[in-house]
């Protein structure tokens, strides 16, 4: 299944959700549980929008308490942050965060 300019993305995600949810529920023995209950799609509109999402994605493991800070994030295997450190350097990532900050990095209560 392919998509042009964001058309069809909800249908693609819905299909993935069905397949993944059924498999995970089968593994866990939990029938009917939603897996992607907060899904929404978004087409990046410009450079600012791209880097705001870029920073938000890298900050998610911190926000949700999976790691405590960006130093620990470098060793977290379920995030692209360490790859970007190797590819572009910590200074680049710091500059991106300063230019396009994401305020909500506090852990959920």
Protein backbone atom coordinates (compact mmCIF):
# COMPACT_ATOMS: atom_id res chain seq x y z
CA UNK A 1 0.00 0.00 0.00
CA UNK A 2 1.39 3.44 -0.90
CA UNK A 3 0.39 7.03 -0.32
CA UNK A 4 0.87 10.27 -2.24
CA UNK A 5 1.06 13.53 -0.31
CA UNK A 6 -0.55 12.04 2.78
CA UNK A 7 -3.61 10.68 0.99
CA UNK A 8 -4.50 7.25 2.35
CA UNK A 9 -2.28 7.42 5.43
CA UNK A 10 -5.21 6.88 7.85
CA UNK A 11 -6.20 3.74 5.92
CA UNK A 12 -2.62 2.42 5.97
CA UNK A 13 -2.28 3.05 9.72
CA UNK A 14 -5.70 1.53 10.40
CA UNK A 15 -4.67 -1.65 8.60
CA UNK A 16 -1.34 -1.80 10.48
CA UNK A 17 -3.18 -1.19 13.75
CA UNK A 18 -5.57 -4.07 13.09
CA UNK A 19 -2.80 -6.55 12.30
CA UNK A 20 -0.50 -5.45 15.16
CA UNK A 21 -3.29 -5.16 17.74
CA UNK A 22 -4.59 -8.64 16.95
CA UNK A 23 -1.10 -10.14 17.23
CA UNK A 24 -0.22 -8.33 20.48
CA UNK A 25 -3.57 -9.15 22.02
CA UNK A 26 -3.06 -12.79 21.01
CA UNK A 27 0.41 -12.83 22.62
CA UNK A 28 -0.87 -11.17 25.81
CA UNK A 29 -4.15 -13.08 25.91
CA UNK A 30 -6.00 -9.76 26.02
CA UNK A 31 -8.96 -9.53 23.65
CA UNK A 32 -10.16 -6.22 22.20
CA UNK A 33 -7.46 -3.93 23.62
CA UNK A 34 -6.62 -0.87 21.51
CA UNK A 35 -2.94 -0.49 20.64
CA UNK A 36 -2.69 2.83 18.77
CA UNK A 37 -5.39 4.65 20.69
CA UNK A 38 -3.89 8.14 20.17
CA UNK A 39 -2.91 7.93 16.51
CA UNK A 40 -3.09 11.02 14.33
CA UNK A 41 -1.36 11.82 11.07
CA UNK A 42 0.40 15.00 10.08
CA UNK A 43 2.10 16.13 6.89
CA UNK A 44 5.20 18.22 7.60
CA UNK A 45 4.66 21.71 6.23
CA UNK A 46 8.03 23.44 6.49
CA UNK A 47 11.47 23.34 8.14
CA UNK A 48 10.20 24.67 11.46
CA UNK A 49 7.45 22.04 11.55
CA UNK A 50 9.96 19.29 10.70
CA UNK A 51 12.42 20.22 13.47
CA UNK A 52 9.67 20.76 16.03
CA UNK A 53 8.48 17.18 15.40
CA UNK A 54 12.10 15.96 15.25
CA UNK A 55 12.72 17.37 18.74
CA UNK A 56 9.37 16.16 20.06
CA UNK A 57 10.10 12.58 18.97
CA UNK A 58 13.55 12.65 20.56
CA UNK A 59 12.10 14.07 23.78
CA UNK A 60 9.36 11.44 24.14
CA UNK A 61 11.49 8.86 26.02
CA UNK A 62 12.42 11.61 28.51
CA UNK A 63 8.85 12.82 28.86
CA UNK A 64 7.58 9.32 29.60
CA UNK A 65 10.36 8.49 32.08
CA UNK A 66 12.11 5.85 29.97
CA UNK A 67 15.35 7.81 30.30
CA UNK A 68 16.14 10.74 32.59
CA UNK A 69 17.94 13.10 30.19
CA UNK A 70 19.57 13.53 26.78
CA UNK A 71 22.81 11.97 28.02
CA UNK A 72 20.94 8.76 28.89
CA UNK A 73 18.99 9.05 25.64
CA UNK A 74 22.22 8.44 23.71
CA UNK A 75 22.15 4.82 24.90
CA UNK A 76 18.41 4.23 24.49
CA UNK A 77 18.03 1.79 21.59
CA UNK A 78 14.38 2.59 20.78
CA UNK A 79 15.08 6.15 19.62
CA UNK A 80 16.97 7.62 16.67
CA UNK A 81 18.75 10.15 18.92
CA UNK A 82 22.01 8.15 19.16
CA UNK A 83 22.06 7.76 15.38
CA UNK A 84 21.71 11.52 14.98
CA UNK A 85 24.51 12.09 17.51
CA UNK A 86 26.77 9.92 15.33
CA UNK A 87 25.51 11.42 12.06
CA UNK A 88 25.38 15.14 12.89
CA UNK A 89 26.85 15.58 16.38
CA UNK A 90 25.51 16.73 19.73
CA UNK A 91 26.06 20.39 18.86
CA UNK A 92 23.69 20.05 15.88
CA UNK A 93 21.01 18.42 18.08
CA UNK A 94 21.46 21.07 20.76
CA UNK A 95 21.17 23.85 18.16
CA UNK A 96 17.98 22.23 16.76
CA UNK A 97 16.46 22.09 20.23
CA UNK A 98 17.35 25.72 20.92
CA UNK A 99 15.99 26.91 17.56
CA UNK A 100 12.82 24.77 17.71
CA UNK A 101 12.16 24.04 21.39
CA UNK A 102 9.60 21.61 22.72
CA UNK A 103 8.47 22.80 26.12
CA UNK A 104 6.69 19.66 27.34
CA UNK A 105 9.58 17.41 28.47
CA UNK A 106 8.26 16.86 32.01
CA UNK A 107 7.41 13.32 33.05
CA UNK A 108 3.71 12.49 33.11
CA UNK A 109 2.27 12.28 36.63
